Amino acid sequence: MRLTDRSGRIEPIPIPVPDRSGSLTPDHGALPFAQVNLFAGRTGYMQIENDNVQVFADTTTDQNLEMIPLSEMSGSWAQTEIFDTPPQNL
């Protein structure tokens, strides 16, 4: 779990990823990236889940998540907006 600073950013999180050489040749046999799932939540806002985000070697991956404020309805904290990132066609 990470908490954002006042601007809504966090420190980069190191992720183990496959070697960059796997993305340089077609039909390498393995995905040349790691896939991670992101989750963001805050009381009073719709939760966000971003599945299968691709992270490549030697590349910083930024995810700009826009939190949507919820009305005062009871049980609204349980709402989650889910995004599924399709794999790159490499």
PDB file of N, CA and C in Angstrom:
ATOM      1  N   MET A   1       0.850  -1.177   0.000  1.00  0.00           N
ATOM      2  CA  MET A   1       0.000   0.000   0.000  1.00  0.00           C
ATOM      3  C   MET A   1       0.893   1.236   0.000  1.00  0.00           C
ATOM      4  N   ARG A   2       0.493   2.218  -0.760  1.00  0.00           N
ATOM      5  CA  ARG A   2       1.219   3.488  -0.846  1.00  0.00           C
ATOM      6  C   ARG A   2       0.227   4.628  -0.632  1.00  0.00           C
ATOM      7  N   LEU A   3       0.707   5.712  -0.053  1.00  0.00           N
ATOM      8  CA  LEU A   3      -0.085   6.927   0.091  1.00  0.00           C
ATOM      9  C   LEU A   3       0.516   7.993  -0.811  1.00  0.00           C
ATOM     10  N   THR A   4      -0.345   8.804  -1.402  1.00  0.00           N
ATOM     11  CA  THR A   4       0.129   9.851  -2.306  1.00  0.00           C
ATOM     12  C   THR A   4       0.610  11.068  -1.520  1.00  0.00           C
ATOM     13  N   ASP A   5       1.377  11.910  -2.205  1.00  0.00           N
ATOM     14  CA  ASP A   5       1.739  13.200  -1.627  1.00  0.00           C
ATOM     15  C   ASP A   5       0.607  14.190  -1.927  1.00  0.00           C
ATOM     16  N   ARG A   6       0.816  15.444  -1.637  1.00  0.00           N
ATOM     17  CA  ARG A   6      -0.245  16.454  -1.835  1.00  0.00           C
ATOM     18  C   ARG A   6      -0.661  16.602  -3.293  1.00  0.00           C
ATOM     19  N   SER A   7       0.245  16.257  -4.222  1.00  0.00           N
ATOM     20  CA  SER A   7      -0.077  16.382  -5.646  1.00  0.00           C
ATOM     21  C   SER A   7      -0.721  15.104  -6.196  1.00  0.00           C
ATOM     22  N   GLY A   8      -0.881  14.067  -5.352  1.00  0.00           N
ATOM     23  CA  GLY A   8      -1.498  12.827  -5.801  1.00  0.00           C
ATOM     24  C   GLY A   8      -0.513  11.840  -6.392  1.00  0.00           C
ATOM     25  N   ARG A   9       0.784  12.068  -6.224  1.00  0.00           N
ATOM     26  CA  ARG A   9       1.808  11.184  -6.782  1.00  0.00           C
ATOM     27  C   ARG A   9       2.424  10.329  -5.683  1.00  0.00           C
ATOM     28  N   ILE A  10       2.969   9.185  -6.091  1.00  0.00           N
ATOM     29  CA  ILE A  10       3.705   8.321  -5.177  1.00  0.00           C
ATOM     30  C   ILE A  10       5.121   8.132  -5.711  1.00  0.00           C
ATOM     31  N   GLU A  11       5.999   7.655  -4.849  1.00  0.00           N
ATOM     32  CA  GLU A  11       7.345   7.308  -5.288  1.00  0.00           C
ATOM     33  C   GLU A  11       7.248   6.125  -6.249  1.00  0.00           C
ATOM     34  N   PRO A  12       8.114   6.036  -7.251  1.00  0.00           N
ATOM     35  CA  PRO A  12       8.095   4.878  -8.153  1.00  0.00           C
ATOM     36  C   PRO A  12       8.254   3.565  -7.377  1.00  0.00           C
ATOM     37  N   ILE A  13       7.552   2.558  -7.849  1.00  0.00           N
ATOM     38  CA  ILE A  13       7.599   1.228  -7.244  1.00  0.00           C
ATOM     39  C   ILE A  13       8.388   0.318  -8.179  1.00  0.00           C
ATOM     40  N   PRO A  14       9.524  -0.213  -7.720  1.00  0.00           N
ATOM     41  CA  PRO A  14      10.275  -1.124  -8.597  1.00  0.00           C
ATOM     42  C   PRO A  14       9.510  -2.428  -8.809  1.00  0.00           C
ATOM     43  N   ILE A  15       9.419  -2.865 -10.052  1.00  0.00           N
ATOM     44  CA  ILE A  15       8.699  -4.089 -10.413  1.00  0.00           C
ATOM     45  C   ILE A  15       9.678  -4.997 -11.162  1.00  0.00           C
ATOM     46  N   PRO A  16       9.787  -6.261 -10.772  1.00  0.00           N
ATOM     47  CA  PRO A  16      10.636  -7.158 -11.562  1.00  0.00           C
ATOM     48  C   PRO A  16      10.005  -7.396 -12.939  1.00  0.00           C
ATOM     49  N   VAL A  17      10.782  -7.198 -13.977  1.00  0.00           N
ATOM     50  CA  VAL A  17      10.286  -7.332 -15.347  1.00  0.00           C
ATOM     51  C   VAL A  17      11.225  -8.224 -16.158  1.00  0.00           C
ATOM     52  N   PRO A  18      10.713  -8.837 -17.248  1.00  0.00           N
ATOM     53  CA  PRO A  18      11.583  -9.619 -18.127  1.00  0.00           C
ATOM     54  C   PRO A  18      12.637  -8.730 -18.784  1.00  0.00           C
ATOM     55  N   ASP A  19      13.717  -9.340 -19.207  1.00  0.00           N
ATOM     56  CA  ASP A  19      14.794  -8.621 -19.874  1.00  0.00           C
ATOM     57  C   ASP A  19      14.293  -7.933 -21.140  1.00  0.00           C
ATOM     58  N   ARG A  20      14.819  -6.773 -21.412  1.00  0.00           N
ATOM     59  CA  ARG A  20      14.417  -5.971 -22.571  1.00  0.00           C
ATOM     60  C   ARG A  20      14.627  -6.714 -23.893  1.00  0.00           C
ATOM     61  N   SER A  21      15.572  -7.609 -23.961  1.00  0.00           N
ATOM     62  CA  SER A  21      15.881  -8.310 -25.211  1.00  0.00           C
ATOM     63  C   SER A  21      14.682  -9.106 -25.736  1.00  0.00           C
ATOM     64  N   GLY A  22      13.769  -9.504 -24.861  1.00  0.00           N
ATOM     65  CA  GLY A  22      12.585 -10.241 -25.289  1.00  0.00           C
ATOM     66  C   GLY A  22      11.642  -9.428 -26.147  1.00  0.00           C
ATOM     67  N   SER A  23      11.757  -8.109 -26.104  1.00  0.00           N
ATOM     68  CA  SER A  23      10.874  -7.262 -26.917  1.00  0.00           C
ATOM     69  C   SER A  23      11.516  -6.864 -28.241  1.00  0.00           C
ATOM     70  N   LEU A  24      12.721  -7.327 -28.495  1.00  0.00           N
ATOM     71  CA  LEU A  24      13.424  -6.916 -29.707  1.00  0.00           C
ATOM     72  C   LEU A  24      13.260  -7.881 -30.874  1.00  0.00           C
ATOM     73  N   THR A  25      12.760  -9.077 -30.617  1.00  0.00           N
ATOM     74  CA  THR A  25      12.576 -10.063 -31.685  1.00  0.00           C
ATOM     75  C   THR A  25      11.140 -10.584 -31.661  1.00  0.00           C
ATOM     76  N   PRO A  26      10.532 -10.790 -32.835  1.00  0.00           N
ATOM     77  CA  PRO A  26       9.168 -11.328 -32.864  1.00  0.00           C
ATOM     78  C   PRO A  26       9.160 -12.788 -32.413  1.00  0.00           C
ATOM     79  N   ASP A  27       8.030 -13.231 -31.929  1.00  0.00           N
ATOM     80  CA  ASP A  27       7.823 -14.616 -31.515  1.00  0.00           C
ATOM     81  C   ASP A  27       8.884 -15.100 -30.530  1.00  0.00           C
ATOM     82  N   HIS A  28       9.206 -14.256 -29.564  1.00  0.00           N
ATOM     83  CA  HIS A  28      10.199 -14.603 -28.540  1.00  0.00           C
ATOM     84  C   HIS A  28       9.702 -15.745 -27.654  1.00  0.00           C
ATOM     85  N   GLY A  29       8.390 -15.944 -27.586  1.00  0.00           N
ATOM     86  CA  GLY A  29       7.825 -17.038 -26.808  1.00  0.00           C
ATOM     87  C   GLY A  29       7.315 -16.625 -25.438  1.00  0.00           C
ATOM     88  N   ALA A  30       7.801 -15.537 -24.903  1.00  0.00           N
ATOM     89  CA  ALA A  30       7.344 -15.053 -23.597  1.00  0.00           C
ATOM     90  C   ALA A  30       6.969 -13.578 -23.722  1.00  0.00           C
ATOM     91  N   LEU A  31       6.111 -13.134 -22.841  1.00  0.00           N
ATOM     92  CA  LEU A  31       5.747 -11.716 -22.849  1.00  0.00           C
ATOM     93  C   LEU A  31       6.965 -10.888 -22.453  1.00  0.00           C
ATOM     94  N   PRO A  32       7.254  -9.809 -23.182  1.00  0.00           N
ATOM     95  CA  PRO A  32       8.418  -8.982 -22.859  1.00  0.00           C
ATOM     96  C   PRO A  32       8.106  -7.919 -21.801  1.00  0.00           C
ATOM     97  N   PHE A  33       7.052  -8.109 -21.055  1.00  0.00           N
ATOM     98  CA  PHE A  33       6.663  -7.151 -20.022  1.00  0.00           C
ATOM     99  C   PHE A  33       6.056  -7.896 -18.842  1.00  0.00           C
ATOM    100  N   ALA A  34       6.029  -7.224 -17.697  1.00  0.00           N
ATOM    101  CA  ALA A  34       5.323  -7.750 -16.523  1.00  0.00           C
ATOM    102  C   ALA A  34       3.929  -7.140 -16.525  1.00  0.00           C
ATOM    103  N   GLN A  35       2.957  -7.876 -15.986  1.00  0.00           N
ATOM    104  CA  GLN A  35       1.602  -7.350 -15.863  1.00  0.00           C
ATOM    105  C   GLN A  35       1.290  -7.183 -14.383  1.00  0.00           C
ATOM    106  N   VAL A  36       0.769  -6.012 -14.021  1.00  0.00           N
ATOM    107  CA  VAL A  36       0.425  -5.723 -12.635  1.00  0.00           C
ATOM    108  C   VAL A  36      -0.997  -5.181 -12.568  1.00  0.00           C
ATOM    109  N   ASN A  37      -1.604  -5.310 -11.405  1.00  0.00           N
ATOM    110  CA  ASN A  37      -2.924  -4.745 -11.149  1.00  0.00           C
ATOM    111  C   ASN A  37      -2.773  -3.589 -10.167  1.00  0.00           C
ATOM    112  N   LEU A  38      -3.428  -2.478 -10.453  1.00  0.00           N
ATOM    113  CA  LEU A  38      -3.391  -1.300  -9.587  1.00  0.00           C
ATOM    114  C   LEU A  38      -4.747  -1.105  -8.940  1.00  0.00           C
ATOM    115  N   PHE A  39      -4.742  -0.598  -7.720  1.00  0.00           N
ATOM    116  CA  PHE A  39      -5.980  -0.307  -7.014  1.00  0.00           C
ATOM    117  C   PHE A  39      -5.811   1.032  -6.317  1.00  0.00           C
ATOM    118  N   ALA A  40      -6.824   1.892  -6.437  1.00  0.00           N
ATOM    119  CA  ALA A  40      -6.810   3.182  -5.753  1.00  0.00           C
ATOM    120  C   ALA A  40      -8.150   3.380  -5.068  1.00  0.00           C
ATOM    121  N   GLY A  41      -8.115   3.855  -3.843  1.00  0.00           N
ATOM    122  CA  GLY A  41      -9.356   4.099  -3.119  1.00  0.00           C
ATOM    123  C   GLY A  41      -9.201   5.214  -2.110  1.00  0.00           C
ATOM    124  N   ARG A  42     -10.287   5.912  -1.880  1.00  0.00           N
ATOM    125  CA  ARG A  42     -10.350   6.965  -0.862  1.00  0.00           C
ATOM    126  C   ARG A  42     -11.805   7.125  -0.470  1.00  0.00           C
ATOM    127  N   THR A  43     -12.046   7.297   0.806  1.00  0.00           N
ATOM    128  CA  THR A  43     -13.401   7.492   1.291  1.00  0.00           C
ATOM    129  C   THR A  43     -14.050   8.664   0.560  1.00  0.00           C
ATOM    130  N   GLY A  44     -15.262   8.442   0.067  1.00  0.00           N
ATOM    131  CA  GLY A  44     -15.994   9.494  -0.629  1.00  0.00           C
ATOM    132  C   GLY A  44     -15.771   9.513  -2.129  1.00  0.00           C
ATOM    133  N   TYR A  45     -14.953   8.588  -2.638  1.00  0.00           N
ATOM    134  CA  TYR A  45     -14.662   8.529  -4.064  1.00  0.00           C
ATOM    135  C   TYR A  45     -14.849   7.107  -4.573  1.00  0.00           C
ATOM    136  N   MET A  46     -15.193   6.979  -5.854  1.00  0.00           N
ATOM    137  CA  MET A  46     -15.297   5.660  -6.461  1.00  0.00           C
ATOM    138  C   MET A  46     -13.909   5.029  -6.499  1.00  0.00           C
ATOM    139  N   GLN A  47     -13.823   3.778  -6.113  1.00  0.00           N
ATOM    140  CA  GLN A  47     -12.556   3.058  -6.169  1.00  0.00           C
ATOM    141  C   GLN A  47     -12.204   2.750  -7.620  1.00  0.00           C
ATOM    142  N   ILE A  48     -10.917   2.631  -7.907  1.00  0.00           N
ATOM    143  CA  ILE A  48     -10.453   2.319  -9.263  1.00  0.00           C
ATOM    144  C   ILE A  48      -9.580   1.082  -9.204  1.00  0.00           C
ATOM    145  N   GLU A  49      -9.836   0.167 -10.122  1.00  0.00           N
ATOM    146  CA  GLU A  49      -8.984  -1.002 -10.286  1.00  0.00           C
ATOM    147  C   GLU A  49      -8.535  -1.024 -11.744  1.00  0.00           C
ATOM    148  N   ASN A  50      -7.237  -1.073 -11.958  1.00  0.00           N
ATOM    149  CA  ASN A  50      -6.680  -1.103 -13.307  1.00  0.00           C
ATOM    150  C   ASN A  50      -5.906  -2.406 -13.436  1.00  0.00           C
ATOM    151  N   ASP A  51      -6.450  -3.354 -14.193  1.00  0.00           N
ATOM    152  CA  ASP A  51      -5.886  -4.697 -14.298  1.00  0.00           C
ATOM    153  C   ASP A  51      -4.989  -4.839 -15.518  1.00  0.00           C
ATOM    154  N   ASN A  52      -3.964  -5.669 -15.379  1.00  0.00           N
ATOM    155  CA  ASN A  52      -3.072  -6.057 -16.478  1.00  0.00           C
ATOM    156  C   ASN A  52      -2.285  -4.890 -17.081  1.00  0.00           C
ATOM    157  N   VAL A  53      -1.870  -3.944 -16.251  1.00  0.00           N
ATOM    158  CA  VAL A  53      -1.025  -2.849 -16.722  1.00  0.00           C
ATOM    159  C   VAL A  53       0.329  -3.437 -17.109  1.00  0.00           C
ATOM    160  N   GLN A  54       0.817  -3.080 -18.283  1.00  0.00           N
ATOM    161  CA  GLN A  54       2.081  -3.631 -18.769  1.00  0.00           C
ATOM    162  C   GLN A  54       3.249  -2.739 -18.351  1.00  0.00           C
ATOM    163  N   VAL A  55       4.268  -3.383 -17.768  1.00  0.00           N
ATOM    164  CA  VAL A  55       5.450  -2.676 -17.300  1.00  0.00           C
ATOM    165  C   VAL A  55       6.657  -3.266 -18.024  1.00  0.00           C
ATOM    166  N   PHE A  56       7.385  -2.415 -18.733  1.00  0.00           N
ATOM    167  CA  PHE A  56       8.533  -2.843 -19.536  1.00  0.00           C
ATOM    168  C   PHE A  56       9.844  -2.488 -18.842  1.00  0.00           C
ATOM    169  N   ALA A  57      10.900  -3.204 -19.197  1.00  0.00           N
ATOM    170  CA  ALA A  57      12.239  -2.917 -18.687  1.00  0.00           C
ATOM    171  C   ALA A  57      12.685  -1.535 -19.154  1.00  0.00           C
ATOM    172  N   ASP A  58      13.433  -0.855 -18.317  1.00  0.00           N
ATOM    173  CA  ASP A  58      14.023   0.452 -18.642  1.00  0.00           C
ATOM    174  C   ASP A  58      12.990   1.509 -19.013  1.00  0.00           C
ATOM    175  N   THR A  59      11.769   1.376 -18.504  1.00  0.00           N
ATOM    176  CA  THR A  59      10.699   2.318 -18.821  1.00  0.00           C
ATOM    177  C   THR A  59       9.906   2.626 -17.556  1.00  0.00           C
ATOM    178  N   THR A  60       9.638   3.898 -17.335  1.00  0.00           N
ATOM    179  CA  THR A  60       8.774   4.286 -16.226  1.00  0.00           C
ATOM    180  C   THR A  60       7.341   4.316 -16.735  1.00  0.00           C
ATOM    181  N   THR A  61       6.458   3.597 -16.064  1.00  0.00           N
ATOM    182  CA  THR A  61       5.052   3.539 -16.455  1.00  0.00           C
ATOM    183  C   THR A  61       4.252   4.429 -15.511  1.00  0.00           C
ATOM    184  N   ASP A  62       3.616   5.460 -16.047  1.00  0.00           N
ATOM    185  CA  ASP A  62       2.768   6.355 -15.254  1.00  0.00           C
ATOM    186  C   ASP A  62       1.317   5.978 -15.470  1.00  0.00           C
ATOM    187  N   GLN A  63       0.543   5.982 -14.406  1.00  0.00           N
ATOM    188  CA  GLN A  63      -0.899   5.766 -14.485  1.00  0.00           C
ATOM    189  C   GLN A  63      -1.571   6.965 -13.838  1.00  0.00           C
ATOM    190  N   ASN A  64      -2.288   7.738 -14.632  1.00  0.00           N
ATOM    191  CA  ASN A  64      -3.025   8.888 -14.113  1.00  0.00           C
ATOM    192  C   ASN A  64      -4.451   8.445 -13.829  1.00  0.00           C
ATOM    193  N   LEU A  65      -4.759   8.277 -12.557  1.00  0.00           N
ATOM    194  CA  LEU A  65      -6.077   7.802 -12.151  1.00  0.00           C
ATOM    195  C   LEU A  65      -6.892   8.982 -11.651  1.00  0.00           C
ATOM    196  N   GLU A  66      -8.055   9.196 -12.235  1.00  0.00           N
ATOM    197  CA  GLU A  66      -8.926  10.295 -11.819  1.00  0.00           C
ATOM    198  C   GLU A  66     -10.013   9.733 -10.930  1.00  0.00           C
ATOM    199  N   MET A  67     -10.010  10.135  -9.671  1.00  0.00           N
ATOM    200  CA  MET A  67     -10.987   9.658  -8.700  1.00  0.00           C
ATOM    201  C   MET A  67     -12.291  10.448  -8.869  1.00  0.00           C
ATOM    202  N   ILE A  68     -13.411   9.737  -8.936  1.00  0.00           N
ATOM    203  CA  ILE A  68     -14.723  10.346  -9.129  1.00  0.00           C
ATOM    204  C   ILE A  68     -15.417  10.453  -7.775  1.00  0.00           C
ATOM    205  N   PRO A  69     -15.790  11.687  -7.349  1.00  0.00           N
ATOM    206  CA  PRO A  69     -16.478  11.837  -6.068  1.00  0.00           C
ATOM    207  C   PRO A  69     -17.849  11.150  -6.098  1.00  0.00           C
ATOM    208  N   LEU A  70     -18.219  10.549  -4.979  1.00  0.00           N
ATOM    209  CA  LEU A  70     -19.511   9.883  -4.869  1.00  0.00           C
ATOM    210  C   LEU A  70     -20.503  10.776  -4.138  1.00  0.00           C
ATOM    211  N   SER A  71     -21.778  10.549  -4.400  1.00  0.00           N
ATOM    212  CA  SER A  71     -22.808  11.275  -3.659  1.00  0.00           C
ATOM    213  C   SER A  71     -22.871  10.697  -2.250  1.00  0.00           C
ATOM    214  N   GLU A  72     -23.738  11.168  -1.457  1.00  0.00           N
ATOM    215  CA  GLU A  72     -23.864  10.725  -0.067  1.00  0.00           C
ATOM    216  C   GLU A  72     -24.735   9.475   0.074  1.00  0.00           C
ATOM    217  N   MET A  73     -24.918   8.690  -0.983  1.00  0.00           N
ATOM    218  CA  MET A  73     -25.739   7.478  -0.919  1.00  0.00           C
ATOM    219  C   MET A  73     -25.074   6.453  -0.011  1.00  0.00           C
ATOM    220  N   SER A  74     -25.867   5.740   0.768  1.00  0.00           N
ATOM    221  CA  SER A  74     -25.291   4.705   1.608  1.00  0.00           C
ATOM    222  C   SER A  74     -24.834   3.543   0.730  1.00  0.00           C
ATOM    223  N   GLY A  75     -23.715   2.933   1.089  1.00  0.00           N
ATOM    224  CA  GLY A  75     -23.182   1.805   0.329  1.00  0.00           C
ATOM    225  C   GLY A  75     -22.416   2.211  -0.907  1.00  0.00           C
ATOM    226  N   SER A  76     -22.293   3.501  -1.170  1.00  0.00           N
ATOM    227  CA  SER A  76     -21.616   3.932  -2.393  1.00  0.00           C
ATOM    228  C   SER A  76     -20.115   3.659  -2.348  1.00  0.00           C
ATOM    229  N   TRP A  77     -19.530   3.486  -1.172  1.00  0.00           N
ATOM    230  CA  TRP A  77     -18.087   3.223  -1.069  1.00  0.00           C
ATOM    231  C   TRP A  77     -17.727   1.908  -1.735  1.00  0.00           C
ATOM    232  N   ALA A  78     -18.688   1.000  -1.861  1.00  0.00           N
ATOM    233  CA  ALA A  78     -18.407  -0.309  -2.436  1.00  0.00           C
ATOM    234  C   ALA A  78     -18.319  -0.267  -3.966  1.00  0.00           C
ATOM    235  N   GLN A  79     -18.612   0.855  -4.595  1.00  0.00           N
ATOM    236  CA  GLN A  79     -18.552   0.934  -6.052  1.00  0.00           C
ATOM    237  C   GLN A  79     -17.102   1.000  -6.521  1.00  0.00           C
ATOM    238  N   THR A  80     -16.789   0.237  -7.575  1.00  0.00           N
ATOM    239  CA  THR A  80     -15.441   0.221  -8.140  1.00  0.00           C
ATOM    240  C   THR A  80     -15.533   0.322  -9.653  1.00  0.00           C
ATOM    241  N   GLU A  81     -14.732   1.200 -10.225  1.00  0.00           N
ATOM    242  CA  GLU A  81     -14.623   1.276 -11.678  1.00  0.00           C
ATOM    243  C   GLU A  81     -13.414   0.436 -12.065  1.00  0.00           C
ATOM    244  N   ILE A  82     -13.616  -0.555 -12.965  1.00  0.00           N
ATOM    245  CA  ILE A  82     -12.560  -1.484 -13.331  1.00  0.00           C
ATOM    246  C   ILE A  82     -12.149  -1.257 -14.780  1.00  0.00           C
ATOM    247  N   PHE A  83     -10.845  -1.145 -15.003  1.00  0.00           N
ATOM    248  CA  PHE A  83     -10.276  -1.016 -16.341  1.00  0.00           C
ATOM    249  C   PHE A  83      -9.380  -2.220 -16.570  1.00  0.00           C
ATOM    250  N   ASP A  84      -9.496  -2.857 -17.722  1.00  0.00           N
ATOM    251  CA  ASP A  84      -8.656  -3.992 -18.071  1.00  0.00           C
ATOM    252  C   ASP A  84      -7.823  -3.579 -19.288  1.00  0.00           C
ATOM    253  N   THR A  85      -6.510  -3.596 -19.148  1.00  0.00           N
ATOM    254  CA  THR A  85      -5.620  -3.184 -20.224  1.00  0.00           C
ATOM    255  C   THR A  85      -5.298  -4.390 -21.094  1.00  0.00           C
ATOM    256  N   PRO A  86      -5.677  -4.355 -22.374  1.00  0.00           N
ATOM    257  CA  PRO A  86      -5.356  -5.489 -23.251  1.00  0.00           C
ATOM    258  C   PRO A  86      -3.854  -5.542 -23.514  1.00  0.00           C
ATOM    259  N   PRO A  87      -3.293  -6.745 -23.750  1.00  0.00           N
ATOM    260  CA  PRO A  87      -1.857  -6.849 -23.979  1.00  0.00           C
ATOM    261  C   PRO A  87      -1.434  -6.163 -25.276  1.00  0.00           C
ATOM    262  N   GLN A  88      -0.196  -5.715 -25.288  1.00  0.00           N
ATOM    263  CA  GLN A  88       0.381  -5.107 -26.485  1.00  0.00           C
ATOM    264  C   GLN A  88       0.499  -6.150 -27.585  1.00  0.00           C
ATOM    265  N   ASN A  89       0.269  -5.765 -28.810  1.00  0.00           N
ATOM    266  CA  ASN A  89       0.438  -6.668 -29.946  1.00  0.00           C
ATOM    267  C   ASN A  89       1.876  -6.513 -30.434  1.00  0.00           C
ATOM    268  N   LEU A  90       2.766  -7.260 -29.826  1.00  0.00           N
ATOM    269  CA  LEU A  90       4.201  -7.116 -30.142  1.00  0.00           C
ATOM    270  C   LEU A  90       4.664  -8.204 -31.064  1.00  0.00           C
TER     271      LEU A  90
END
